[in-house]
């Protein structure tokens, strides 16, 4: 983890204004509430916030998720043998009664990190449930926490691409009717003329905080495809590709590319989960980040043809690239009936017991790697406001594969 304070444009503005320090007040206790704590970015927030030198700290951390975290998946909450206060609550935030009962009791919360979402069969249902979830959280926590200072909301690049579909990517059924914005995407780009639960979340947040007359600030964070760890995430591309590669190795077949030519040959970008968490923490405590929307990507470009070779090497299988449209296939179709193969892989390699459907999100991988056009964002706004964090995407890809192996999720 690297924090980029000195030398940033935002830091320079503070110095010109005569402020003595660009760092937050370390003596003030901050209390974080992570909604979606077992998700792909929630897991990174869970790991990073309690670290002693994290900006805004020392942090006390509450984590909330629909299901209890598996302890074997969590990093030990210890620094030099001293326990760090991280308290987890199982809470169904889609249930207003459960959300109010559990969250309204957390009266010492100062910062909320909302990184939750729920997938439904249609874009309309997805809008409805996610809007309700955020409303329930805000209704419980905003009136109850008198020292509440800031709320981070995570949305994503479908802000520029189109509404969410059932796979967790832009809705393919409306892609022809809704033309995505022209990349590279900038935060001031107007919304598309289509319903999108990301837009709903922004509107709900601003409407609620308007009642507080500026006492609580906010930021919106828009990552793209996230490289991260959480085995609980329904949008974990790295884990999905690892499961596919492991099955290929088990069956003695090559790792065949299933996506589009555009994704294979074209430029792509990604968002490291730790980087997204770092940006959200920076935005929560830096005064020059308040009340803004920020893109969040690693700051470099790559081609999937290169990462495909990395994945094949990690699992010791030969790689086969794009072979033409006539040879393309859906990963969701290819992985049907592979449950027993996965059970054998888990048993033979003494992995953490998981069902294949928990690790492999095949339709999501088909959507992400089947894209027919390049789409990248622009990170200038984040840099201009003082955040200069970045990641090498190839190293990031390798790092998360290594962590999945270390935690015995994949062989």
Protein backbone atom coordinates (compact mmCIF):
# COMPACT_ATOMS: atom_id res chain seq x y z
CA UNK A 1 0.00 0.00 0.00
CA UNK A 2 1.37 3.42 -0.97
CA UNK A 3 -0.05 6.76 0.08
CA UNK A 4 0.60 9.73 -2.22
CA UNK A 5 0.34 12.94 -0.24
CA UNK A 6 3.39 15.10 -0.91
CA UNK A 7 3.86 16.65 -4.35
CA UNK A 8 0.22 16.33 -5.36
CA UNK A 9 -1.62 19.27 -6.87
CA UNK A 10 -4.15 19.14 -4.04
CA UNK A 11 -1.34 19.18 -1.48
CA UNK A 12 0.23 22.12 -3.25
CA UNK A 13 -3.02 24.07 -3.02
CA UNK A 14 -3.11 23.49 0.72
CA UNK A 15 0.42 24.75 1.16
CA UNK A 16 -0.36 27.88 -0.84
CA UNK A 17 -3.33 28.45 1.41
CA UNK A 18 -0.97 28.46 4.38
CA UNK A 19 -1.98 25.18 6.01
CA UNK A 20 0.81 23.63 8.05
CA UNK A 21 0.32 20.00 7.11
CA UNK A 22 -1.25 17.92 4.38
CA UNK A 23 -1.81 15.00 6.73
CA UNK A 24 -4.99 14.41 8.74
CA UNK A 25 -5.03 14.87 12.48
CA UNK A 26 -3.69 11.58 13.86
CA UNK A 27 -5.06 12.28 17.33
CA UNK A 28 -8.67 12.06 16.20
CA UNK A 29 -10.34 8.68 16.34
CA UNK A 30 -12.07 7.66 13.11
CA UNK A 31 -14.78 5.02 13.00
CA UNK A 32 -15.46 3.30 9.68
CA UNK A 33 -18.58 1.42 8.69
CA UNK A 34 -17.97 -0.85 5.67
CA UNK A 35 -21.20 -1.91 3.98
CA UNK A 36 -20.36 -4.95 1.87
CA UNK A 37 -17.30 -5.89 3.92
CA UNK A 38 -16.82 -9.35 2.41
CA UNK A 39 -16.96 -8.10 -1.19
CA UNK A 40 -14.00 -7.54 -3.46
CA UNK A 41 -13.28 -3.95 -2.33
CA UNK A 42 -14.81 -4.41 1.12
CA UNK A 43 -12.18 -7.09 1.80
CA UNK A 44 -9.41 -4.62 0.92
CA UNK A 45 -10.93 -1.94 3.15
CA UNK A 46 -11.14 -4.54 5.92
CA UNK A 47 -7.40 -5.16 5.55
CA UNK A 48 -6.18 -1.58 5.05
CA UNK A 49 -8.23 0.57 7.42
CA UNK A 50 -6.91 -0.95 10.68
CA UNK A 51 -3.24 -0.54 9.66
CA UNK A 52 -1.65 2.03 12.03
CA UNK A 53 -0.35 4.42 9.34
CA UNK A 54 -3.55 4.52 7.29
CA UNK A 55 -4.56 8.19 6.79
CA UNK A 56 -7.27 9.40 9.13
CA UNK A 57 -6.42 6.80 11.75
CA UNK A 58 -6.29 5.22 14.12
CA UNK A 59 -9.42 3.60 12.71
CA UNK A 60 -12.03 1.57 14.51
CA UNK A 61 -13.82 -0.61 11.95
CA UNK A 62 -17.31 -2.08 11.68
CA UNK A 63 -17.95 -4.51 8.85
CA UNK A 64 -21.40 -5.42 7.55
CA UNK A 65 -22.35 -8.18 5.12
CA UNK A 66 -25.30 -10.44 4.35
CA UNK A 67 -23.34 -13.55 5.29
CA UNK A 68 -20.68 -14.09 7.95
CA UNK A 69 -17.11 -13.98 6.63
CA UNK A 70 -15.13 -17.19 6.60
CA UNK A 71 -12.35 -16.59 9.10
CA UNK A 72 -9.87 -18.50 6.93
CA UNK A 73 -10.33 -15.83 4.24
CA UNK A 74 -9.57 -12.87 6.52
CA UNK A 75 -6.13 -11.48 7.24
CA UNK A 76 -5.27 -11.70 10.95
CA UNK A 77 -6.25 -8.47 12.71
CA UNK A 78 -2.93 -8.23 14.51
CA UNK A 79 -0.08 -5.74 14.43
CA UNK A 80 2.95 -6.72 16.54
CA UNK A 81 0.71 -9.13 18.39
CA UNK A 82 -1.83 -6.47 19.35
CA UNK A 83 -5.45 -6.99 18.40
CA UNK A 84 -7.06 -4.40 16.11
CA UNK A 85 -10.71 -3.49 16.73
CA UNK A 86 -12.68 -4.88 13.77
CA UNK A 87 -16.25 -5.84 14.58
CA UNK A 88 -18.39 -7.66 12.03
CA UNK A 89 -22.19 -7.68 11.82
CA UNK A 90 -24.33 -9.97 9.71
CA UNK A 91 -27.11 -7.76 8.40
CA UNK A 92 -29.52 -7.90 5.48
CA UNK A 93 -29.58 -4.26 4.44
CA UNK A 94 -32.37 -5.04 1.96
CA UNK A 95 -34.54 -5.59 5.03
CA UNK A 96 -35.32 -2.18 6.55
CA UNK A 97 -36.12 -3.66 9.97
CA UNK A 98 -32.85 -5.59 10.17
CA UNK A 99 -30.85 -2.64 8.83
CA UNK A 100 -32.32 -0.19 11.32
CA UNK A 101 -32.01 -2.52 14.30
CA UNK A 102 -28.32 -3.21 13.74
CA UNK A 103 -26.97 -0.04 12.13
CA UNK A 104 -28.76 2.59 14.21
CA UNK A 105 -26.89 1.28 17.25
CA UNK A 106 -23.53 2.27 15.72
CA UNK A 107 -23.69 5.84 16.99
CA UNK A 108 -19.93 6.46 16.89
CA UNK A 109 -19.53 6.02 13.10
CA UNK A 110 -17.67 8.89 11.42
CA UNK A 111 -17.18 7.49 7.89
CA UNK A 112 -19.28 5.14 5.76
CA UNK A 113 -17.80 3.09 2.91
CA UNK A 114 -20.70 1.76 0.86
CA UNK A 115 -19.33 -0.96 -1.44
CA UNK A 116 -22.36 -3.26 -1.58
CA UNK A 117 -24.61 -4.26 -4.43
CA UNK A 118 -27.14 -6.99 -5.13
CA UNK A 119 -27.73 -8.66 -8.49
CA UNK A 120 -31.21 -9.49 -9.72
CA UNK A 121 -32.48 -11.19 -12.92
CA UNK A 122 -33.35 -7.91 -14.67
CA UNK A 123 -31.95 -4.40 -14.74
CA UNK A 124 -35.25 -3.06 -13.34
CA UNK A 125 -35.18 -5.43 -10.37
CA UNK A 126 -31.52 -4.63 -9.78
CA UNK A 127 -32.38 -0.92 -9.65
CA UNK A 128 -35.19 -1.48 -7.17
CA UNK A 129 -33.30 -3.62 -4.68
CA UNK A 130 -30.10 -1.56 -4.72
CA UNK A 131 -31.98 1.69 -4.24
CA UNK A 132 -33.79 0.17 -1.27
CA UNK A 133 -30.55 -1.09 0.26
CA UNK A 134 -28.91 2.33 0.23
CA UNK A 135 -32.03 4.05 1.54
CA UNK A 136 -32.21 1.59 4.42
CA UNK A 137 -28.56 2.17 5.35
CA UNK A 138 -28.86 5.97 5.22
CA UNK A 139 -32.14 5.95 7.16
CA UNK A 140 -30.47 3.96 9.92
CA UNK A 141 -27.05 5.59 10.18
CA UNK A 142 -27.39 9.27 9.23
CA UNK A 143 -29.75 10.28 12.08
CA UNK A 144 -28.04 7.97 14.59
CA UNK A 145 -24.40 9.06 14.15
CA UNK A 146 -23.96 12.67 15.31
CA UNK A 147 -20.27 12.72 14.36
CA UNK A 148 -20.78 11.36 10.85
CA UNK A 149 -18.43 13.20 8.50
CA UNK A 150 -18.27 11.46 5.12
CA UNK A 151 -19.89 8.79 2.95
CA UNK A 152 -18.12 7.03 0.06
CA UNK A 153 -20.34 5.32 -2.51
CA UNK A 154 -18.83 2.87 -5.00
CA UNK A 155 -20.51 2.58 -8.38
CA UNK A 156 -18.58 1.73 -11.56
CA UNK A 157 -17.85 2.21 -15.24
CA UNK A 158 -21.31 1.20 -16.33
CA UNK A 159 -22.06 4.81 -15.44
CA UNK A 160 -20.66 5.46 -18.93
CA UNK A 161 -21.57 2.18 -20.64
CA UNK A 162 -25.20 1.49 -19.82
CA UNK A 163 -27.46 -0.18 -17.25
CA UNK A 164 -26.49 -3.29 -15.33
CA UNK A 165 -27.61 -6.61 -16.73
CA UNK A 166 -28.02 -9.97 -14.97
CA UNK A 167 -24.31 -10.85 -15.38
CA UNK A 168 -23.10 -7.83 -13.47
CA UNK A 169 -21.98 -5.97 -16.59
CA UNK A 170 -23.64 -3.55 -18.99
CA UNK A 171 -27.01 -4.94 -20.11
CA UNK A 172 -26.44 -6.61 -23.47
CA UNK A 173 -30.14 -6.42 -24.32
CA UNK A 174 -29.99 -2.64 -24.41
CA UNK A 175 -26.49 -2.21 -25.84
CA UNK A 176 -27.73 -1.59 -29.36
CA UNK A 177 -30.28 0.99 -28.21
CA UNK A 178 -27.94 2.82 -25.83
CA UNK A 179 -24.67 4.01 -27.26
CA UNK A 180 -21.94 4.20 -24.61
CA UNK A 181 -20.03 7.44 -24.18
CA UNK A 182 -16.87 7.92 -26.19
CA UNK A 183 -13.77 6.94 -24.16
CA UNK A 184 -11.65 7.88 -22.35
CA UNK A 185 -14.38 8.50 -19.80
CA UNK A 186 -14.25 11.64 -17.67
CA UNK A 187 -16.28 12.22 -14.55
CA UNK A 188 -18.08 15.25 -15.96
CA UNK A 189 -19.44 13.15 -18.84
CA UNK A 190 -23.26 13.49 -18.88
CA UNK A 191 -25.36 10.53 -17.85
CA UNK A 192 -26.77 8.24 -20.52
CA UNK A 193 -30.47 8.57 -21.27
CA UNK A 194 -31.26 5.23 -19.67
CA UNK A 195 -32.18 4.02 -16.19
CA UNK A 196 -29.19 2.86 -14.17
CA UNK A 197 -29.01 1.95 -10.49
CA UNK A 198 -25.68 3.79 -10.27
CA UNK A 199 -27.54 7.01 -11.06
CA UNK A 200 -30.17 6.07 -8.47
CA UNK A 201 -27.53 5.63 -5.77
CA UNK A 202 -26.01 9.04 -6.49
CA UNK A 203 -29.41 10.74 -6.39
CA UNK A 204 -30.47 9.00 -3.17
CA UNK A 205 -27.21 9.95 -1.45
CA UNK A 206 -27.34 13.60 -2.47
CA UNK A 207 -31.01 13.92 -1.54
CA UNK A 208 -30.34 12.50 1.93
CA UNK A 209 -27.24 14.57 2.63
CA UNK A 210 -28.93 17.74 1.43
CA UNK A 211 -30.98 17.49 4.61
CA UNK A 212 -27.76 17.73 6.63
CA UNK A 213 -26.91 21.07 4.97
CA UNK A 214 -23.32 20.18 4.16
CA UNK A 215 -22.46 18.70 7.55
CA UNK A 216 -21.72 15.35 5.90
CA UNK A 217 -19.60 15.23 2.74
CA UNK A 218 -19.59 12.55 0.05
CA UNK A 219 -17.60 11.05 -2.81
CA UNK A 220 -18.53 8.70 -5.65
CA UNK A 221 -15.96 6.13 -6.85
CA UNK A 222 -16.16 4.50 -10.29
CA UNK A 223 -13.76 1.58 -10.78
CA UNK A 224 -13.74 -0.67 -13.83
CA UNK A 225 -13.12 -4.46 -13.80
CA UNK A 226 -11.63 -5.10 -10.37
CA UNK A 227 -8.68 -7.39 -9.70
CA UNK A 228 -9.05 -8.56 -6.11
CA UNK A 229 -9.37 -11.43 -3.69
CA UNK A 230 -12.82 -11.94 -2.19
CA UNK A 231 -14.16 -15.46 -2.74
CA UNK A 232 -17.56 -14.04 -1.73
CA UNK A 233 -17.78 -11.63 -4.67
CA UNK A 234 -20.12 -12.26 -7.59
CA UNK A 235 -17.81 -10.18 -9.82
CA UNK A 236 -14.38 -11.69 -9.14
CA UNK A 237 -12.80 -12.10 -12.57
CA UNK A 238 -9.40 -13.25 -11.29
CA UNK A 239 -10.86 -16.11 -9.22
CA UNK A 240 -13.07 -17.13 -12.14
CA UNK A 241 -10.16 -17.31 -14.58
CA UNK A 242 -8.09 -19.22 -12.02
CA UNK A 243 -10.85 -21.80 -11.62
CA UNK A 244 -11.06 -22.15 -15.42
CA UNK A 245 -7.29 -22.60 -15.70
CA UNK A 246 -7.25 -25.16 -12.88
CA UNK A 247 -9.95 -27.20 -14.62
CA UNK A 248 -8.00 -27.05 -17.89
CA UNK A 249 -4.92 -28.37 -16.10
CA UNK A 250 -6.91 -31.12 -14.41
CA UNK A 251 -8.36 -32.24 -17.75
CA UNK A 252 -5.09 -31.92 -19.65
CA UNK A 253 -6.42 -29.41 -22.17
CA UNK A 254 -5.06 -25.98 -23.21
CA UNK A 255 -6.32 -22.69 -21.78
CA UNK A 256 -8.42 -21.45 -24.70
CA UNK A 257 -9.43 -17.81 -25.08
CA UNK A 258 -13.21 -17.53 -25.15
CA UNK A 259 -13.64 -13.76 -25.49
CA UNK A 260 -13.72 -11.25 -28.33
CA UNK A 261 -10.99 -10.18 -30.72
CA UNK A 262 -11.37 -6.63 -29.39
CA UNK A 263 -10.58 -7.75 -25.84
CA UNK A 264 -7.73 -9.99 -27.01
CA UNK A 265 -5.93 -7.51 -29.27
CA UNK A 266 -7.19 -4.18 -27.92
CA UNK A 267 -6.17 -2.16 -24.90
CA UNK A 268 -7.88 -2.72 -21.56
CA UNK A 269 -7.51 -1.33 -18.07
CA UNK A 270 -8.39 -2.61 -14.62
CA UNK A 271 -8.80 -1.49 -11.02
CA UNK A 272 -6.79 -3.11 -8.24
CA UNK A 273 -9.05 -3.66 -5.22
CA UNK A 274 -6.47 -2.25 -2.82
CA UNK A 275 -6.08 0.84 -5.00
CA UNK A 276 -9.84 1.43 -4.98
CA UNK A 277 -9.83 1.12 -1.20
CA UNK A 278 -6.89 3.53 -0.94
CA UNK A 279 -8.68 6.10 -3.09
CA UNK A 280 -11.81 5.86 -0.96
CA UNK A 281 -9.84 6.30 2.28
CA UNK A 282 -7.96 9.26 0.79
CA UNK A 283 -11.24 10.83 -0.32
CA UNK A 284 -12.78 10.27 3.10
CA UNK A 285 -10.11 12.28 4.94
CA UNK A 286 -8.67 14.78 2.43
CA UNK A 287 -10.59 18.10 2.31
CA UNK A 288 -9.78 18.62 -1.37
CA UNK A 289 -11.57 15.41 -2.35
CA UNK A 290 -14.95 16.26 -0.87
CA UNK A 291 -18.23 16.21 -2.80
CA UNK A 292 -16.71 14.86 -6.02
CA UNK A 293 -16.99 11.83 -8.29
CA UNK A 294 -13.76 10.03 -9.20
CA UNK A 295 -12.82 7.37 -11.70
CA UNK A 296 -10.49 4.73 -10.30
CA UNK A 297 -8.28 2.58 -12.53
CA UNK A 298 -4.69 1.43 -12.20
CA UNK A 299 -3.32 4.14 -14.47
CA UNK A 300 -1.85 1.84 -17.13
CA UNK A 301 -3.08 -0.22 -20.09
CA UNK A 302 -2.61 -3.86 -20.99
CA UNK A 303 -3.76 -6.41 -23.55
CA UNK A 304 -5.52 -9.58 -22.48
CA UNK A 305 -3.32 -11.58 -24.86
CA UNK A 306 -0.45 -10.78 -22.48
CA UNK A 307 -2.35 -11.56 -19.27
CA UNK A 308 -3.53 -14.81 -20.85
CA UNK A 309 0.08 -15.94 -21.06
CA UNK A 310 0.57 -14.94 -17.40
CA UNK A 311 -2.47 -17.00 -16.35
CA UNK A 312 -1.32 -20.02 -18.35
CA UNK A 313 2.13 -19.86 -16.78
CA UNK A 314 0.66 -19.59 -13.27
CA UNK A 315 -1.22 -22.88 -13.80
CA UNK A 316 1.24 -24.70 -16.03
CA UNK A 317 -1.03 -25.08 -19.05
CA UNK A 318 -0.50 -24.15 -22.72
CA UNK A 319 -2.31 -20.99 -23.80
CA UNK A 320 -4.43 -20.73 -26.96
CA UNK A 321 -5.42 -17.24 -28.08
CA UNK A 322 -8.14 -15.81 -30.26
CA UNK A 323 -8.88 -18.30 -33.06
CA UNK A 324 -11.53 -16.42 -35.03
CA UNK A 325 -15.23 -15.86 -34.51
CA UNK A 326 -16.12 -19.36 -35.66
CA UNK A 327 -14.12 -20.88 -32.77
CA UNK A 328 -15.45 -18.61 -30.04
CA UNK A 329 -17.44 -20.12 -27.20
CA UNK A 330 -19.17 -19.10 -24.00
CA UNK A 331 -17.28 -19.97 -20.83
CA UNK A 332 -20.63 -20.48 -19.11
CA UNK A 333 -21.39 -23.26 -21.62
CA UNK A 334 -17.92 -24.83 -21.43
CA UNK A 335 -18.04 -25.04 -17.62
CA UNK A 336 -21.40 -26.79 -17.42
CA UNK A 337 -21.09 -30.13 -15.70
CA UNK A 338 -17.62 -29.41 -14.26
CA UNK A 339 -18.75 -29.52 -10.63
CA UNK A 340 -17.31 -32.97 -9.98
CA UNK A 341 -14.02 -31.99 -11.59
CA UNK A 342 -13.82 -29.05 -9.22
CA UNK A 343 -14.62 -31.26 -6.23
CA UNK A 344 -11.68 -33.46 -7.21
CA UNK A 345 -9.41 -30.42 -7.55
CA UNK A 346 -10.44 -29.21 -4.09
CA UNK A 347 -9.90 -32.64 -2.54
CA UNK A 348 -6.62 -33.45 -4.29
CA UNK A 349 -5.08 -30.06 -3.46
CA UNK A 350 -6.56 -29.75 0.05
CA UNK A 351 -8.25 -26.48 -0.80
CA UNK A 352 -10.83 -24.61 1.27
CA UNK A 353 -14.11 -26.42 0.48
CA UNK A 354 -16.04 -24.39 -2.08
CA UNK A 355 -18.65 -25.15 -4.70
CA UNK A 356 -17.66 -24.34 -8.27
CA UNK A 357 -20.50 -21.80 -8.57
CA UNK A 358 -19.00 -19.88 -5.63
CA UNK A 359 -15.63 -19.43 -7.31
CA UNK A 360 -16.42 -19.39 -11.03
CA UNK A 361 -18.63 -16.53 -12.24
CA UNK A 362 -18.73 -17.69 -15.85
CA UNK A 363 -21.36 -15.33 -17.27
CA UNK A 364 -19.58 -12.35 -15.75
CA UNK A 365 -16.31 -13.41 -17.40
CA UNK A 366 -18.14 -13.84 -20.72
CA UNK A 367 -19.50 -10.31 -20.43
CA UNK A 368 -16.19 -8.67 -19.46
CA UNK A 369 -13.98 -10.47 -21.96
CA UNK A 370 -16.60 -10.54 -24.70
CA UNK A 371 -16.69 -6.76 -25.03
CA UNK A 372 -16.55 -5.59 -28.65
CA UNK A 373 -14.90 -2.22 -28.12
CA UNK A 374 -12.13 -0.64 -26.08
CA UNK A 375 -13.18 1.36 -23.05
CA UNK A 376 -10.84 3.23 -20.74
CA UNK A 377 -11.21 6.05 -18.26
CA UNK A 378 -9.24 9.18 -17.50
CA UNK A 379 -7.63 9.61 -14.07
CA UNK A 380 -6.67 13.28 -14.35
CA UNK A 381 -9.32 14.51 -11.93
CA UNK A 382 -8.15 12.19 -9.19
CA UNK A 383 -4.52 13.28 -9.70
CA UNK A 384 -5.44 16.96 -9.77
CA UNK A 385 -7.21 16.59 -6.44
CA UNK A 386 -4.18 14.96 -4.84
CA UNK A 387 -4.40 11.19 -5.26
CA UNK A 388 -1.47 9.77 -7.24
CA UNK A 389 -1.87 6.10 -6.40
CA UNK A 390 -1.42 3.61 -9.21
CA UNK A 391 -0.80 -0.09 -9.89
CA UNK A 392 1.06 -2.13 -12.49
CA UNK A 393 -1.83 -4.23 -13.82
CA UNK A 394 0.30 -7.25 -14.70
CA UNK A 395 1.78 -7.27 -11.20
CA UNK A 396 -1.70 -6.76 -9.74
CA UNK A 397 -3.05 -9.74 -11.69
CA UNK A 398 -0.21 -11.93 -10.43
CA UNK A 399 -0.56 -10.67 -6.86
CA UNK A 400 -4.22 -11.63 -6.57
CA UNK A 401 -3.61 -15.03 -8.18
CA UNK A 402 -0.87 -15.61 -5.61
CA UNK A 403 -3.19 -14.61 -2.77
CA UNK A 404 -5.94 -16.93 -4.00
CA UNK A 405 -3.36 -19.73 -4.01
CA UNK A 406 -1.98 -18.79 -0.60
CA UNK A 407 -5.45 -18.88 0.95
CA UNK A 408 -6.11 -22.25 -0.71
CA UNK A 409 -9.00 -21.07 -2.86
CA UNK A 410 -7.36 -22.32 -6.08
CA UNK A 411 -4.49 -24.80 -6.53
